[in-house]
Amino acid sequence: MKDEQKTKVQLIEELTKLHQRVEGLETNRTQEKNILPRGERRPLGPLGEAMAIWDWDLQEGKVYVSDLFLEVLGFSRVKYGDDPAGGFNLIHLENRPRVEKKVSDYLQRKMDRYFVEYRLRCGDGGYKFLG
């Protein structure tokens, strides 16, 4: 009887692990369907024009920033550029370690959503809170 119970416990554990792997595969499939070919961007419609967007293309190693994002921070497109390091260098030194940890955790899939508030240096040298 002990062997039979042990086998049931092992079976339940194996089924649980299998279920978790299947859930992970489904999540990956859903994420893959949402990926657009390189260089393509989803149209945002009228609301998109009213949003300050900073979008990091991990495959290309570049960022896209909206005109409103640049306007709010007081940068020109030429001065800001498309290098992600440029954006990270504008993060206030006191906030940078926390932001870098959140980015790292998100990229390692330790969290489902990325959200962090921090101060970003503007074109005039002052700081604004983003989040």
N, C-alpha and C. Protein backbone atom coordinates (compact mmCIF):
# COMPACT_ATOMS: atom_id res chain seq x y z
N MET A 1 0.82 -1.20 0.00
CA MET A 1 0.00 0.00 0.00
C MET A 1 0.87 1.26 0.00
N LYS A 2 2.00 1.24 0.76
CA LYS A 2 2.88 2.40 0.81
C LYS A 2 3.44 2.69 -0.58
N ASP A 3 3.87 1.65 -1.29
CA ASP A 3 4.42 1.83 -2.63
C ASP A 3 3.38 2.43 -3.56
N GLU A 4 2.13 1.98 -3.43
CA GLU A 4 1.06 2.49 -4.27
C GLU A 4 0.80 3.96 -3.99
N GLN A 5 0.80 4.38 -2.71
CA GLN A 5 0.60 5.78 -2.35
C GLN A 5 1.78 6.63 -2.82
N LYS A 6 2.97 6.10 -2.67
CA LYS A 6 4.14 6.83 -3.12
C LYS A 6 4.06 7.04 -4.63
N THR A 7 3.63 6.06 -5.35
CA THR A 7 3.50 6.16 -6.79
C THR A 7 2.46 7.22 -7.15
N LYS A 8 1.35 7.28 -6.41
CA LYS A 8 0.33 8.28 -6.66
C LYS A 8 0.88 9.68 -6.43
N VAL A 9 1.63 9.87 -5.36
CA VAL A 9 2.22 11.16 -5.05
C VAL A 9 3.20 11.57 -6.16
N GLN A 10 4.01 10.60 -6.60
CA GLN A 10 4.96 10.89 -7.67
C GLN A 10 4.24 11.24 -8.97
N LEU A 11 3.16 10.53 -9.25
CA LEU A 11 2.38 10.79 -10.45
C LEU A 11 1.77 12.19 -10.40
N ILE A 12 1.25 12.57 -9.26
CA ILE A 12 0.67 13.91 -9.11
C ILE A 12 1.74 14.97 -9.32
N GLU A 13 2.92 14.76 -8.74
CA GLU A 13 4.03 15.71 -8.91
C GLU A 13 4.43 15.81 -10.38
N GLU A 14 4.53 14.68 -11.07
CA GLU A 14 4.90 14.69 -12.48
C GLU A 14 3.84 15.39 -13.33
N LEU A 15 2.58 15.14 -13.03
CA LEU A 15 1.49 15.80 -13.78
C LEU A 15 1.50 17.31 -13.53
N THR A 16 1.78 17.70 -12.31
CA THR A 16 1.86 19.12 -11.99
C THR A 16 2.98 19.79 -12.78
N LYS A 17 4.15 19.14 -12.81
CA LYS A 17 5.28 19.69 -13.57
C LYS A 17 4.95 19.76 -15.06
N LEU A 18 4.31 18.73 -15.59
CA LEU A 18 3.93 18.70 -17.00
C LEU A 18 2.94 19.82 -17.30
N HIS A 19 1.97 20.01 -16.41
CA HIS A 19 0.98 21.08 -16.58
C HIS A 19 1.66 22.45 -16.62
N GLN A 20 2.64 22.66 -15.74
CA GLN A 20 3.36 23.93 -15.72
C GLN A 20 4.13 24.14 -17.02
N ARG A 21 4.74 23.08 -17.54
CA ARG A 21 5.48 23.20 -18.81
C ARG A 21 4.54 23.54 -19.96
N VAL A 22 3.35 22.91 -19.99
CA VAL A 22 2.38 23.17 -21.05
C VAL A 22 1.91 24.63 -20.95
N GLU A 23 1.64 25.11 -19.74
CA GLU A 23 1.23 26.50 -19.57
C GLU A 23 2.32 27.43 -20.09
N GLY A 24 3.57 27.12 -19.81
CA GLY A 24 4.69 27.93 -20.28
C GLY A 24 4.77 27.95 -21.80
N LEU A 25 4.54 26.81 -22.44
CA LEU A 25 4.55 26.74 -23.90
C LEU A 25 3.43 27.58 -24.51
N GLU A 26 2.25 27.52 -23.89
CA GLU A 26 1.12 28.31 -24.38
C GLU A 26 1.43 29.80 -24.27
N THR A 27 2.04 30.20 -23.16
CA THR A 27 2.41 31.60 -22.98
C THR A 27 3.41 32.02 -24.05
N ASN A 28 4.41 31.18 -24.33
CA ASN A 28 5.40 31.49 -25.35
C ASN A 28 4.75 31.62 -26.73
N ARG A 29 3.82 30.72 -27.04
CA ARG A 29 3.12 30.76 -28.33
C ARG A 29 2.35 32.06 -28.49
N THR A 30 1.65 32.46 -27.42
CA THR A 30 0.89 33.70 -27.45
C THR A 30 1.82 34.88 -27.66
N GLN A 31 2.94 34.90 -26.95
CA GLN A 31 3.90 35.99 -27.10
C GLN A 31 4.47 36.02 -28.51
N GLU A 32 4.78 34.87 -29.09
CA GLU A 32 5.34 34.81 -30.44
C GLU A 32 4.35 35.35 -31.47
N LYS A 33 3.06 35.09 -31.28
CA LYS A 33 2.05 35.58 -32.21
C LYS A 33 1.98 37.10 -32.18
N ASN A 34 2.32 37.72 -31.04
CA ASN A 34 2.25 39.16 -30.89
C ASN A 34 3.48 39.89 -31.41
N ILE A 35 4.52 39.15 -31.80
CA ILE A 35 5.74 39.77 -32.30
C ILE A 35 5.56 40.14 -33.76
N LEU A 36 5.89 41.38 -34.06
CA LEU A 36 5.81 41.85 -35.44
C LEU A 36 7.15 41.67 -36.13
N PRO A 37 7.15 41.55 -37.46
CA PRO A 37 8.43 41.50 -38.18
C PRO A 37 9.26 42.75 -37.89
N ARG A 38 10.57 42.62 -38.00
CA ARG A 38 11.48 43.73 -37.70
C ARG A 38 11.08 45.01 -38.42
N GLY A 39 11.17 46.08 -37.68
CA GLY A 39 10.91 47.39 -38.27
C GLY A 39 9.44 47.76 -38.34
N GLU A 40 8.54 46.80 -38.13
CA GLU A 40 7.11 47.11 -38.19
C GLU A 40 6.61 47.53 -36.82
N ARG A 41 5.67 48.44 -36.80
CA ARG A 41 5.08 48.94 -35.58
C ARG A 41 3.57 48.88 -35.68
N ARG A 42 2.93 48.49 -34.61
CA ARG A 42 1.47 48.45 -34.62
C ARG A 42 0.93 49.88 -34.70
N PRO A 43 -0.07 50.11 -35.54
CA PRO A 43 -0.66 51.45 -35.56
C PRO A 43 -1.38 51.70 -34.24
N LEU A 44 -1.18 52.87 -33.68
CA LEU A 44 -1.77 53.18 -32.38
C LEU A 44 -3.06 53.97 -32.48
N GLY A 45 -3.36 54.47 -33.66
CA GLY A 45 -4.58 55.23 -33.84
C GLY A 45 -4.47 56.60 -33.19
N PRO A 46 -5.60 57.28 -33.06
CA PRO A 46 -5.60 58.65 -32.52
C PRO A 46 -5.01 58.74 -31.12
N LEU A 47 -5.24 57.73 -30.28
CA LEU A 47 -4.71 57.79 -28.92
C LEU A 47 -3.19 57.71 -28.91
N GLY A 48 -2.62 57.01 -29.87
CA GLY A 48 -1.17 56.86 -29.91
C GLY A 48 -0.43 58.17 -30.08
N GLU A 49 -1.07 59.11 -30.78
CA GLU A 49 -0.43 60.41 -30.97
C GLU A 49 -0.40 61.21 -29.68
N ALA A 50 -1.24 60.87 -28.73
CA ALA A 50 -1.30 61.59 -27.46
C ALA A 50 -0.50 60.86 -26.38
N MET A 51 0.36 59.93 -26.79
CA MET A 51 1.14 59.16 -25.82
C MET A 51 2.63 59.44 -26.02
N ALA A 52 3.33 59.58 -24.90
CA ALA A 52 4.79 59.71 -24.95
C ALA A 52 5.35 58.29 -24.91
N ILE A 53 5.83 57.79 -26.04
CA ILE A 53 6.22 56.39 -26.17
C ILE A 53 7.73 56.25 -26.24
N TRP A 54 8.26 55.29 -25.48
CA TRP A 54 9.66 54.87 -25.54
C TRP A 54 9.59 53.37 -25.73
N ASP A 55 9.95 52.88 -26.91
CA ASP A 55 9.81 51.47 -27.26
C ASP A 55 11.17 50.90 -27.63
N TRP A 56 11.59 49.86 -26.91
CA TRP A 56 12.92 49.26 -27.09
C TRP A 56 12.81 48.02 -27.96
N ASP A 57 13.42 48.03 -29.13
CA ASP A 57 13.48 46.88 -30.02
C ASP A 57 14.72 46.08 -29.63
N LEU A 58 14.52 45.01 -28.87
CA LEU A 58 15.64 44.23 -28.35
C LEU A 58 16.43 43.54 -29.45
N GLN A 59 15.74 43.11 -30.52
CA GLN A 59 16.42 42.42 -31.61
C GLN A 59 17.35 43.36 -32.37
N GLU A 60 16.90 44.56 -32.61
CA GLU A 60 17.69 45.53 -33.36
C GLU A 60 18.64 46.32 -32.46
N GLY A 61 18.35 46.33 -31.16
CA GLY A 61 19.17 47.10 -30.23
C GLY A 61 18.97 48.60 -30.38
N LYS A 62 17.75 49.00 -30.74
CA LYS A 62 17.43 50.41 -30.93
C LYS A 62 16.15 50.75 -30.18
N VAL A 63 15.95 52.04 -29.95
CA VAL A 63 14.71 52.48 -29.35
C VAL A 63 13.96 53.39 -30.32
N TYR A 64 12.66 53.36 -30.19
CA TYR A 64 11.80 54.29 -30.92
C TYR A 64 11.18 55.20 -29.87
N VAL A 65 11.25 56.48 -30.09
CA VAL A 65 10.59 57.42 -29.19
C VAL A 65 9.63 58.27 -30.02
N SER A 66 8.47 58.53 -29.44
CA SER A 66 7.47 59.34 -30.14
C SER A 66 7.86 60.81 -30.09
N ASP A 67 7.27 61.58 -30.98
CA ASP A 67 7.51 63.02 -31.00
C ASP A 67 7.09 63.65 -29.67
N LEU A 68 5.98 63.17 -29.10
CA LEU A 68 5.52 63.72 -27.82
C LEU A 68 6.52 63.42 -26.71
N PHE A 69 7.11 62.24 -26.71
CA PHE A 69 8.13 61.89 -25.71
C PHE A 69 9.28 62.91 -25.77
N LEU A 70 9.76 63.17 -26.99
CA LEU A 70 10.85 64.12 -27.17
C LEU A 70 10.43 65.52 -26.74
N GLU A 71 9.22 65.91 -27.10
CA GLU A 71 8.72 67.24 -26.76
C GLU A 71 8.62 67.42 -25.24
N VAL A 72 8.07 66.43 -24.56
CA VAL A 72 7.91 66.51 -23.10
C VAL A 72 9.26 66.65 -22.40
N LEU A 73 10.27 65.94 -22.92
CA LEU A 73 11.59 65.98 -22.29
C LEU A 73 12.49 67.08 -22.82
N GLY A 74 12.07 67.74 -23.90
CA GLY A 74 12.85 68.85 -24.44
C GLY A 74 14.06 68.42 -25.25
N PHE A 75 13.92 67.33 -26.01
CA PHE A 75 15.01 66.85 -26.86
C PHE A 75 14.60 66.91 -28.32
N SER A 76 15.58 67.02 -29.19
CA SER A 76 15.32 66.85 -30.63
C SER A 76 15.58 65.39 -30.95
N ARG A 77 15.03 64.91 -32.04
CA ARG A 77 15.24 63.52 -32.45
C ARG A 77 16.73 63.25 -32.69
N VAL A 78 17.41 64.21 -33.28
CA VAL A 78 18.84 64.04 -33.56
C VAL A 78 19.63 63.94 -32.26
N LYS A 79 19.33 64.80 -31.31
CA LYS A 79 20.08 64.81 -30.04
C LYS A 79 19.81 63.54 -29.23
N TYR A 80 18.57 63.06 -29.25
CA TYR A 80 18.22 61.87 -28.44
C TYR A 80 18.77 60.60 -29.06
N GLY A 81 18.63 60.43 -30.38
CA GLY A 81 19.13 59.24 -31.07
C GLY A 81 18.25 58.03 -30.85
N ASP A 82 18.81 56.83 -31.17
CA ASP A 82 18.03 55.59 -31.04
C ASP A 82 18.78 54.52 -30.27
N ASP A 83 19.83 54.91 -29.54
CA ASP A 83 20.61 53.96 -28.74
C ASP A 83 19.99 53.82 -27.35
N PRO A 84 19.63 52.59 -26.93
CA PRO A 84 19.03 52.42 -25.61
C PRO A 84 19.91 52.96 -24.48
N ALA A 85 21.21 52.86 -24.64
CA ALA A 85 22.12 53.34 -23.59
C ALA A 85 21.91 54.83 -23.35
N GLY A 86 21.60 55.57 -24.40
CA GLY A 86 21.34 57.00 -24.25
C GLY A 86 20.20 57.27 -23.30
N GLY A 87 19.13 56.50 -23.43
CA GLY A 87 17.98 56.64 -22.53
C GLY A 87 18.31 56.25 -21.11
N PHE A 88 19.05 55.17 -20.94
CA PHE A 88 19.41 54.72 -19.59
C PHE A 88 20.36 55.72 -18.93
N ASN A 89 21.20 56.36 -19.71
CA ASN A 89 22.13 57.35 -19.13
C ASN A 89 21.41 58.59 -18.62
N LEU A 90 20.18 58.81 -19.07
CA LEU A 90 19.41 59.95 -18.61
C LEU A 90 18.67 59.68 -17.30
N ILE A 91 18.63 58.42 -16.87
CA ILE A 91 17.95 58.07 -15.62
C ILE A 91 18.75 58.62 -14.45
N HIS A 92 18.06 59.23 -13.51
CA HIS A 92 18.71 59.79 -12.32
C HIS A 92 19.55 58.71 -11.63
N LEU A 93 20.75 59.07 -11.20
CA LEU A 93 21.68 58.10 -10.61
C LEU A 93 21.08 57.34 -9.42
N GLU A 94 20.24 58.00 -8.64
CA GLU A 94 19.62 57.32 -7.49
C GLU A 94 18.60 56.28 -7.92
N ASN A 95 18.01 56.45 -9.10
CA ASN A 95 16.97 55.54 -9.59
C ASN A 95 17.52 54.42 -10.48
N ARG A 96 18.70 54.63 -11.04
CA ARG A 96 19.23 53.72 -12.06
C ARG A 96 19.35 52.26 -11.59
N PRO A 97 19.91 51.96 -10.41
CA PRO A 97 20.03 50.54 -10.00
C PRO A 97 18.67 49.84 -9.93
N ARG A 98 17.66 50.55 -9.43
CA ARG A 98 16.32 49.95 -9.31
C ARG A 98 15.73 49.71 -10.69
N VAL A 99 15.90 50.65 -11.61
CA VAL A 99 15.37 50.50 -12.97
C VAL A 99 16.08 49.36 -13.68
N GLU A 100 17.40 49.30 -13.57
CA GLU A 100 18.16 48.23 -14.22
C GLU A 100 17.75 46.86 -13.69
N LYS A 101 17.49 46.76 -12.37
CA LYS A 101 17.05 45.48 -11.80
C LYS A 101 15.69 45.09 -12.34
N LYS A 102 14.77 46.05 -12.43
CA LYS A 102 13.43 45.76 -12.97
C LYS A 102 13.53 45.30 -14.42
N VAL A 103 14.35 45.97 -15.22
CA VAL A 103 14.52 45.57 -16.63
C VAL A 103 15.08 44.16 -16.69
N SER A 104 16.11 43.89 -15.90
CA SER A 104 16.73 42.57 -15.88
C SER A 104 15.72 41.49 -15.47
N ASP A 105 14.97 41.76 -14.41
CA ASP A 105 13.96 40.79 -13.95
C ASP A 105 12.91 40.54 -15.03
N TYR A 106 12.50 41.59 -15.71
CA TYR A 106 11.49 41.43 -16.76
C TYR A 106 12.04 40.61 -17.93
N LEU A 107 13.27 40.92 -18.34
CA LEU A 107 13.86 40.20 -19.47
C LEU A 107 14.14 38.74 -19.13
N GLN A 108 14.34 38.44 -17.85
CA GLN A 108 14.56 37.06 -17.41
C GLN A 108 13.23 36.38 -17.06
N ARG A 109 12.13 37.08 -17.34
CA ARG A 109 10.77 36.58 -17.11
C ARG A 109 10.49 36.26 -15.65
N LYS A 110 11.10 37.03 -14.76
CA LYS A 110 10.82 36.90 -13.34
C LYS A 110 9.56 37.67 -12.96
N MET A 111 9.09 38.50 -13.90
CA MET A 111 7.85 39.26 -13.69
C MET A 111 7.11 39.33 -15.02
N ASP A 112 5.77 39.38 -14.93
CA ASP A 112 4.94 39.38 -16.13
C ASP A 112 4.86 40.74 -16.81
N ARG A 113 4.90 41.80 -16.01
CA ARG A 113 4.75 43.14 -16.54
C ARG A 113 5.87 44.02 -16.03
N TYR A 114 6.26 44.96 -16.85
CA TYR A 114 7.31 45.88 -16.47
C TYR A 114 6.68 47.23 -16.16
N PHE A 115 6.87 47.69 -14.95
CA PHE A 115 6.43 49.03 -14.57
C PHE A 115 7.37 49.54 -13.51
N VAL A 116 7.88 50.73 -13.72
CA VAL A 116 8.77 51.34 -12.73
C VAL A 116 8.68 52.86 -12.89
N GLU A 117 8.66 53.56 -11.79
CA GLU A 117 8.68 55.02 -11.82
C GLU A 117 10.11 55.48 -11.53
N TYR A 118 10.54 56.50 -12.25
CA TYR A 118 11.90 57.00 -12.07
C TYR A 118 11.99 58.42 -12.61
N ARG A 119 13.09 59.08 -12.29
CA ARG A 119 13.35 60.42 -12.78
C ARG A 119 14.26 60.35 -14.00
N LEU A 120 13.91 61.13 -15.02
CA LEU A 120 14.67 61.15 -16.27
C LEU A 120 15.11 62.59 -16.53
N ARG A 121 16.41 62.75 -16.84
CA ARG A 121 16.96 64.09 -17.10
C ARG A 121 16.40 64.63 -18.42
N CYS A 122 16.00 65.88 -18.40
CA CYS A 122 15.43 66.54 -19.58
C CYS A 122 16.51 67.32 -20.32
N GLY A 123 16.14 67.84 -21.45
CA GLY A 123 17.06 68.61 -22.28
C GLY A 123 17.60 69.84 -21.57
N ASP A 124 16.82 70.41 -20.64
CA ASP A 124 17.27 71.61 -19.92
C ASP A 124 18.07 71.29 -18.66
N GLY A 125 18.33 69.97 -18.41
CA GLY A 125 19.11 69.57 -17.24
C GLY A 125 18.26 69.24 -16.03
N GLY A 126 16.99 69.61 -16.02
CA GLY A 126 16.09 69.27 -14.92
C GLY A 126 15.65 67.81 -15.04
N TYR A 127 14.80 67.36 -14.11
CA TYR A 127 14.32 65.98 -14.12
C TYR A 127 12.79 65.95 -14.10
N LYS A 128 12.24 64.92 -14.73
CA LYS A 128 10.80 64.66 -14.70
C LYS A 128 10.59 63.22 -14.28
N PHE A 129 9.50 62.98 -13.54
CA PHE A 129 9.14 61.61 -13.16
C PHE A 129 8.43 60.94 -14.31
N LEU A 130 8.82 59.71 -14.60
CA LEU A 130 8.15 58.88 -15.61
C LEU A 130 7.70 57.59 -14.96
N GLY A 131 6.72 56.97 -15.52
CA GLY A 131 6.27 55.69 -14.99
C GLY A 131 5.12 55.15 -15.77
